[in-house]
Amino acid sequence: MDPSANWPPEGLETLGRCPVCGSSGRALLHRALRDNIFFVAPGTWTMWTCGACGSAYLDPRPDRATIGLAYERYYTHEGEEAAPAPTGLRKVRAALANGYRNARYGTRLRPASRLGMVLGTVLPPLRSPLDIGFRYLPRRAARVLDIGCGGGEWLLTAQSAGWEACGADPDPVATARCREKGLDVRTGGSEAWLDQAGRFDAVTMNHVIEHLHDPGATLDDILRLLKPGGQLFVETPNVEARGHRRYGASWRGLEPPRHLMLFSRRSLRDLLARSGFTEIRFRRRPPPNAVIDLMSARIEAGIDPYDPAVPAGYAPPGLAQRLRLGFAGRDVEFLTLTCGKPQDKARR
């Protein structure tokens, strides 16, 4: 597909209202957005801000039948490379991190130092990225479902902590690669596992909800899939992020048209509450994501975001700014949260 062409008109759907809260009040946010990430999706896109809940969404947008055109070069089609063994200072850092992971999540990673758990306990900024890596899994290993599991890398992480890890992904190439690794993965989304209602202790969606045509329906499915007291983990780009304000239409988090919508802190909380989830807790994020910041600067300079070049004049956020923004709540690059299914409700 030529990315300079137009999206097939018969494959577009017009909303006229917010897909999160249903309000028709809105304001123009970005016009003439293009796929400047993978350069495969044709067409230009308009993004609106909902006047009621603060979410942002594409309208018109690709329908379910044609959205696959935007994923022909998506990262789930690529294999992953093994990281080199750490040496020197990196080995010390790995030992401290693994010490925390082993104590908190029950892994048996090496090298490992028990000092890691001590430092992680007294210094929350050190443990935050490690907890996010394990998606705040409860301490008791049980059964977890990862929706949008890609090539299954995180499922292997969950298995290393003793969890029975299952997955779902709409990309048949990704699910085939998962099965080659011996993983229990189905092609599709949350609906692919509805025959297992009430049998999961945890469900995770990492950078998935922004891709969904109907996030409310998926959350309804997840509530059915979870056991009473089960936990949901969600991470998604934050429409109120510092990077979005700084780079505007060049912000890496937009990714049109694969990201059909972007949430604000309030709109995501409200959607989860309406779906029946409780104990909604936004988790602290580490300082601004340097990779996303640099990618956004490349897009702004007209460079492929995965090009190793550093745009002239680019200056990453300084230490003072990183410390100020890193745990500012509404300014963080991603919204990261956990929530639960009420103990006293087997079904919504």
Protein backbone atom coordinates (compact mmCIF):
# COMPACT_ATOMS: atom_id res chain seq x y z
CA MET A 1 0.00 0.00 0.00
CA ASP A 2 1.34 3.42 -0.98
CA PRO A 3 1.28 5.60 2.18
CA SER A 4 0.86 8.68 -0.01
CA ALA A 5 -2.47 7.35 -1.32
CA ASN A 6 -5.84 7.74 0.36
CA TRP A 7 -7.42 5.21 2.70
CA PRO A 8 -10.08 3.19 0.86
CA PRO A 9 -13.23 5.30 1.33
CA GLU A 10 -15.41 2.23 1.83
CA GLY A 11 -13.14 1.31 4.78
CA LEU A 12 -13.78 4.50 6.76
CA GLU A 13 -16.28 4.98 9.55
CA THR A 14 -17.49 8.36 10.82
CA LEU A 15 -18.25 8.72 14.52
CA GLY A 16 -19.50 12.25 15.18
CA ARG A 17 -19.08 11.68 18.90
CA CYS A 18 -16.49 10.53 21.44
CA PRO A 19 -16.02 6.72 21.47
CA VAL A 20 -15.16 6.88 25.19
CA CYS A 21 -18.03 8.89 26.71
CA GLY A 22 -20.42 9.45 23.77
CA SER A 23 -20.37 13.25 23.88
CA SER A 24 -20.71 15.11 20.57
CA GLY A 25 -19.00 18.25 21.92
CA ARG A 26 -15.46 18.45 20.58
CA ALA A 27 -12.66 20.69 19.32
CA LEU A 28 -10.12 20.15 16.54
CA LEU A 29 -6.80 18.93 17.93
CA HIS A 30 -4.71 17.93 14.87
CA ARG A 31 -5.38 18.04 11.15
CA ALA A 32 -3.72 16.15 8.25
CA LEU A 33 -1.90 13.61 10.44
CA ARG A 34 0.03 10.92 8.54
CA ASP A 35 1.62 7.61 9.39
CA ASN A 36 5.10 8.95 10.13
CA ILE A 37 6.10 5.95 12.24
CA PHE A 38 5.97 2.88 9.96
CA PHE A 39 5.10 4.70 6.70
CA VAL A 40 2.62 2.07 5.59
CA ALA A 41 -0.88 3.41 6.29
CA PRO A 42 -2.29 5.58 3.49
CA GLY A 43 -4.36 8.68 4.06
CA THR A 44 -4.43 11.71 6.33
CA TRP A 45 -6.28 11.87 9.62
CA THR A 46 -8.08 14.38 11.81
CA MET A 47 -7.95 14.12 15.60
CA TRP A 48 -10.49 15.73 17.90
CA THR A 49 -10.53 16.47 21.63
CA CYS A 50 -13.72 15.56 23.48
CA GLY A 51 -15.11 18.56 25.35
CA ALA A 52 -16.66 16.33 28.01
CA CYS A 53 -14.01 13.78 29.03
CA GLY A 54 -10.79 15.10 27.49
CA SER A 55 -10.05 12.06 25.35
CA ALA A 56 -8.70 12.51 21.82
CA TYR A 57 -9.90 10.42 18.89
CA LEU A 58 -9.69 10.05 15.13
CA ASP A 59 -12.79 10.85 13.12
CA PRO A 60 -13.25 9.49 10.52
CA ARG A 61 -11.17 6.40 11.23
CA PRO A 62 -10.44 2.98 9.67
CA ASP A 63 -13.14 0.40 10.27
CA ARG A 64 -12.50 -3.06 11.66
CA ALA A 65 -12.43 -4.62 8.19
CA THR A 66 -9.60 -2.45 6.86
CA ILE A 67 -7.55 -1.48 9.94
CA GLY A 68 -5.10 -4.28 9.11
CA LEU A 69 -3.70 -2.09 6.33
CA ALA A 70 -2.06 0.02 9.04
CA TYR A 71 -0.21 -2.95 10.55
CA GLU A 72 1.63 -4.40 7.56
CA ARG A 73 4.98 -3.22 8.94
CA TYR A 74 4.07 -3.27 12.63
CA TYR A 75 6.67 -4.34 15.17
CA THR A 76 4.86 -7.60 16.02
CA HIS A 77 5.94 -8.88 12.60
CA GLU A 78 9.58 -8.70 13.64
CA GLY A 79 11.59 -11.09 15.77
CA GLU A 80 13.37 -9.94 18.90
CA GLU A 81 17.11 -10.02 19.51
CA ALA A 82 18.61 -11.35 22.71
CA ALA A 83 20.25 -8.69 24.88
CA PRO A 84 24.02 -9.07 25.42
CA ALA A 85 25.20 -10.23 28.84
CA PRO A 86 25.84 -7.23 31.14
CA THR A 87 29.39 -6.34 32.14
CA GLY A 88 31.01 -3.83 34.47
CA LEU A 89 28.65 -1.27 36.01
CA ARG A 90 25.75 -2.68 34.01
CA LYS A 91 26.33 -6.04 35.69
CA VAL A 92 26.11 -4.40 39.11
CA ARG A 93 22.87 -2.67 38.13
CA ALA A 94 21.49 -5.94 36.75
CA ALA A 95 22.35 -7.72 40.00
CA LEU A 96 20.52 -5.09 42.07
CA ALA A 97 17.50 -5.14 39.74
CA ASN A 98 17.38 -8.94 39.73
CA GLY A 99 17.64 -8.99 43.50
CA TYR A 100 14.48 -6.93 43.69
CA ARG A 101 12.71 -8.98 41.01
CA ASN A 102 13.57 -12.25 42.75
CA ALA A 103 12.33 -11.05 46.13
CA ARG A 104 9.20 -9.29 44.88
CA TYR A 105 8.07 -11.56 42.03
CA GLY A 106 9.64 -14.92 42.81
CA THR A 107 11.97 -15.10 39.83
CA ARG A 108 15.39 -16.77 39.93
CA LEU A 109 17.38 -14.38 37.80
CA ARG A 110 21.16 -14.15 37.83
CA PRO A 111 23.28 -12.24 38.67
CA ALA A 112 21.37 -11.08 41.73
CA SER A 113 22.07 -9.14 44.91
CA ARG A 114 19.82 -9.08 47.99
CA LEU A 115 20.71 -5.41 48.35
CA GLY A 116 18.41 -4.76 45.39
CA MET A 117 15.29 -5.45 47.49
CA VAL A 118 16.53 -3.13 50.23
CA LEU A 119 17.20 -0.28 47.81
CA GLY A 120 13.93 -0.87 45.98
CA THR A 121 12.00 -0.73 49.24
CA VAL A 122 13.43 2.58 50.42
CA LEU A 123 13.76 4.24 46.99
CA PRO A 124 10.48 4.03 45.02
CA PRO A 125 11.96 5.61 41.83
CA LEU A 126 14.33 2.63 41.57
CA ARG A 127 11.63 -0.02 41.83
CA SER A 128 9.02 1.70 39.69
CA PRO A 129 10.40 0.60 36.27
CA LEU A 130 10.93 -2.93 37.62
CA ASP A 131 7.34 -3.17 38.84
CA ILE A 132 6.08 -1.81 35.53
CA GLY A 133 8.15 -4.49 33.77
CA PHE A 134 6.21 -7.14 35.72
CA ARG A 135 2.98 -5.10 35.38
CA TYR A 136 2.48 -5.09 39.14
CA LEU A 137 1.53 -8.76 39.19
CA PRO A 138 0.19 -9.85 42.57
CA ARG A 139 2.66 -11.73 44.74
CA ARG A 140 0.75 -15.00 44.50
CA ALA A 141 1.51 -16.57 41.14
CA ALA A 142 -1.62 -17.85 39.40
CA ARG A 143 -3.11 -17.39 35.91
CA VAL A 144 -2.68 -14.26 33.78
CA LEU A 145 -3.96 -13.22 30.34
CA ASP A 146 -2.09 -10.65 28.25
CA ILE A 147 -4.32 -9.03 25.61
CA GLY A 148 -2.26 -7.76 22.68
CA CYS A 149 0.65 -10.01 23.59
CA GLY A 150 2.64 -9.48 20.37
CA GLY A 151 5.44 -12.00 20.07
CA GLY A 152 4.96 -13.22 23.64
CA GLU A 153 8.01 -11.64 25.26
CA TRP A 154 6.09 -10.52 28.32
CA LEU A 155 4.38 -13.90 28.67
CA LEU A 156 7.83 -15.41 29.15
CA THR A 157 8.50 -12.77 31.82
CA ALA A 158 5.32 -13.78 33.63
CA GLN A 159 6.26 -17.45 33.34
CA SER A 160 9.64 -16.69 34.92
CA ALA A 161 7.70 -15.53 38.01
CA GLY A 162 5.72 -18.78 38.13
CA TRP A 163 2.53 -17.59 36.41
CA GLU A 164 0.49 -19.63 33.98
CA ALA A 165 0.58 -17.11 31.14
CA CYS A 166 -1.93 -16.98 28.30
CA GLY A 167 -2.19 -14.45 25.49
CA ALA A 168 -4.31 -13.00 22.70
CA ASP A 169 -3.25 -10.95 19.70
CA PRO A 170 -5.06 -10.07 16.45
CA ASP A 171 -1.86 -10.51 14.43
CA PRO A 172 -1.65 -14.13 13.17
CA VAL A 173 2.07 -13.71 12.48
CA ALA A 174 2.67 -12.79 16.13
CA THR A 175 0.49 -15.58 17.49
CA ALA A 176 2.25 -18.14 15.30
CA ARG A 177 5.58 -17.01 16.71
CA CYS A 178 4.17 -17.34 20.24
CA ARG A 179 3.07 -20.88 19.59
CA GLU A 180 6.52 -21.75 18.31
CA LYS A 181 7.73 -20.80 21.80
CA GLY A 182 5.21 -23.15 23.37
CA LEU A 183 2.94 -20.34 24.60
CA ASP A 184 -0.84 -20.66 24.96
CA VAL A 185 -1.97 -17.83 22.69
CA ARG A 186 -5.14 -17.30 20.65
CA THR A 187 -5.64 -15.06 17.62
CA GLY A 188 -8.02 -12.21 18.39
CA GLY A 189 -8.74 -9.99 21.37
CA SER A 190 -10.50 -10.42 24.70
CA GLU A 191 -13.37 -12.22 22.97
CA ALA A 192 -11.05 -15.09 22.04
CA TRP A 193 -10.96 -16.21 25.70
CA LEU A 194 -14.58 -15.74 26.77
CA ASP A 195 -14.95 -19.49 27.13
CA GLN A 196 -12.65 -19.07 30.15
CA ALA A 197 -14.84 -16.52 31.98
CA GLY A 198 -13.97 -16.11 35.66
CA ARG A 199 -10.75 -18.10 35.40
CA PHE A 200 -8.02 -15.44 35.34
CA ASP A 201 -6.40 -13.88 38.39
CA ALA A 202 -4.91 -11.04 36.34
CA VAL A 203 -5.32 -9.50 32.89
CA THR A 204 -2.88 -7.04 31.31
CA MET A 205 -3.17 -4.61 28.40
CA ASN A 206 0.11 -2.86 27.67
CA HIS A 207 -0.29 -0.15 24.98
CA VAL A 208 -3.39 -1.85 23.59
CA ILE A 209 -6.48 0.09 24.67
CA GLU A 210 -5.62 3.01 22.36
CA HIS A 211 -5.86 0.62 19.36
CA LEU A 212 -9.39 -0.61 20.14
CA HIS A 213 -12.51 0.39 18.25
CA ASP A 214 -14.66 -0.23 21.33
CA PRO A 215 -12.60 -0.12 24.53
CA GLY A 216 -15.71 -0.28 26.70
CA ALA A 217 -16.73 -3.63 25.20
CA THR A 218 -13.23 -5.02 25.80
CA LEU A 219 -13.34 -3.90 29.43
CA ASP A 220 -16.72 -5.64 29.78
CA ASP A 221 -15.09 -8.82 28.47
CA ILE A 222 -12.16 -8.48 30.88
CA LEU A 223 -14.50 -8.10 33.85
CA ARG A 224 -16.09 -11.41 32.84
CA LEU A 225 -12.70 -13.08 32.38
CA LEU A 226 -11.37 -12.07 35.80
CA LYS A 227 -12.06 -13.92 39.00
CA PRO A 228 -13.67 -11.81 41.75
CA GLY A 229 -10.81 -9.81 43.23
CA GLY A 230 -8.74 -10.19 40.06
CA GLN A 231 -6.50 -7.40 38.83
CA LEU A 232 -6.27 -5.50 35.53
CA PHE A 233 -3.10 -3.66 34.44
CA VAL A 234 -3.33 -0.95 31.77
CA GLU A 235 -0.69 1.27 30.20
CA THR A 236 -1.41 3.73 27.38
CA PRO A 237 -0.09 7.04 26.00
CA ASN A 238 -1.21 10.10 27.96
CA VAL A 239 -2.88 12.78 25.82
CA GLU A 240 -1.88 15.32 28.50
CA ALA A 241 1.80 14.32 28.35
CA ARG A 242 4.58 16.85 28.34
CA GLY A 243 5.79 15.33 25.06
CA HIS A 244 2.43 15.96 23.38
CA ARG A 245 2.46 19.60 24.47
CA ARG A 246 6.05 19.99 23.31
CA TYR A 247 5.87 18.24 19.92
CA GLY A 248 2.19 18.52 18.99
CA ALA A 249 1.40 16.63 15.78
CA SER A 250 4.95 15.20 15.78
CA TRP A 251 4.57 13.45 19.13
CA ARG A 252 5.44 9.75 18.86
CA GLY A 253 2.45 8.82 21.03
CA LEU A 254 -0.09 9.82 18.37
CA GLU A 255 0.77 7.08 15.85
CA PRO A 256 -2.15 7.59 13.42
CA PRO A 257 -4.14 5.67 12.38
CA ARG A 258 -3.19 2.74 14.63
CA HIS A 259 -3.94 4.77 17.76
CA LEU A 260 -7.64 5.36 17.32
CA MET A 261 -7.90 7.31 20.58
CA LEU A 262 -5.82 8.70 23.42
CA PHE A 263 -6.95 8.97 27.02
CA SER A 264 -6.60 11.60 29.68
CA ARG A 265 -6.18 10.53 33.27
CA ARG A 266 -9.80 11.46 34.02
CA SER A 267 -11.33 9.82 30.96
CA LEU A 268 -9.53 6.53 31.55
CA ARG A 269 -10.52 6.46 35.21
CA ASP A 270 -14.15 7.23 34.36
CA LEU A 271 -14.31 4.54 31.66
CA LEU A 272 -12.93 1.89 34.03
CA ALA A 273 -15.36 2.92 36.77
CA ARG A 274 -18.33 2.77 34.38
CA SER A 275 -17.23 -0.71 33.35
CA GLY A 276 -17.40 -1.87 36.97
CA PHE A 277 -13.75 -1.77 38.04
CA THR A 278 -12.78 -0.54 41.49
CA GLU A 279 -9.58 0.34 43.37
CA ILE A 280 -8.32 2.28 40.34
CA ARG A 281 -4.74 3.27 41.15
CA PHE A 282 -2.47 5.26 38.86
CA ARG A 283 1.11 4.14 39.31
CA ARG A 284 4.12 6.40 39.45
CA ARG A 285 6.17 6.66 36.30
CA PRO A 286 9.95 7.09 36.01
CA PRO A 287 11.26 10.35 34.47
CA PRO A 288 10.23 11.30 30.89
CA ASN A 289 10.89 8.58 28.36
CA ALA A 290 14.09 9.59 26.56
CA VAL A 291 13.39 7.25 23.63
CA ILE A 292 9.93 8.73 22.98
CA ASP A 293 11.32 12.24 23.32
CA LEU A 294 14.07 11.61 20.77
CA MET A 295 11.69 9.85 18.37
CA SER A 296 9.34 12.83 18.54
CA ALA A 297 12.23 15.18 17.77
CA ARG A 298 13.11 13.09 14.72
CA ILE A 299 9.52 13.18 13.47
CA GLU A 300 9.46 16.95 13.93
CA ALA A 301 12.68 17.20 11.90
CA GLY A 302 11.23 15.03 9.10
CA ILE A 303 13.40 12.02 10.00
CA ASP A 304 12.32 8.39 10.36
CA PRO A 305 11.80 8.01 14.14
CA TYR A 306 13.87 4.82 14.09
CA ASP A 307 16.77 6.50 12.28
CA PRO A 308 19.80 6.69 14.63
CA ALA A 309 20.39 10.33 13.68
CA VAL A 310 20.03 12.99 16.38
CA PRO A 311 18.37 16.14 14.96
CA ALA A 312 20.44 19.30 15.04
CA GLY A 313 19.71 21.37 18.10
CA TYR A 314 17.98 18.55 19.96
CA ALA A 315 18.44 18.71 23.72
CA PRO A 316 16.89 16.03 25.92
CA PRO A 317 15.18 17.09 29.15
CA GLY A 318 17.78 18.07 31.74
CA LEU A 319 18.08 16.43 35.17
CA ALA A 320 16.11 19.15 36.95
CA GLN A 321 13.30 18.93 34.42
CA ARG A 322 13.29 15.13 34.53
CA LEU A 323 12.99 15.16 38.31
CA ARG A 324 10.22 17.76 38.18
CA LEU A 325 8.24 16.02 35.42
CA GLY A 326 9.01 12.42 36.27
CA PHE A 327 6.35 11.98 38.94
CA ALA A 328 4.12 14.96 38.13
CA GLY A 329 1.07 12.79 37.42
CA ARG A 330 -0.62 14.55 34.52
CA ASP A 331 2.61 15.30 32.65
CA VAL A 332 3.89 11.73 32.38
CA GLU A 333 4.32 10.18 28.93
CA PHE A 334 2.20 7.12 29.72
CA LEU A 335 -0.74 6.44 32.00
CA THR A 336 -0.03 3.32 34.04
CA LEU A 337 -2.64 1.88 36.40
CA THR A 338 -4.00 -1.17 38.14
CA CYS A 339 -7.61 -1.79 39.11
CA GLY A 340 -9.69 -4.68 40.30
CA LYS A 341 -12.87 -6.65 39.87
CA PRO A 342 -15.01 -6.35 43.03
CA GLN A 343 -14.79 -9.34 45.32
CA ASP A 344 -18.54 -9.63 45.71
CA LYS A 345 -19.43 -9.65 41.99
CA ALA A 346 -18.89 -12.76 39.92
CA ARG A 347 -20.29 -10.89 36.92
CA ARG A 348 -20.94 -7.29 36.19
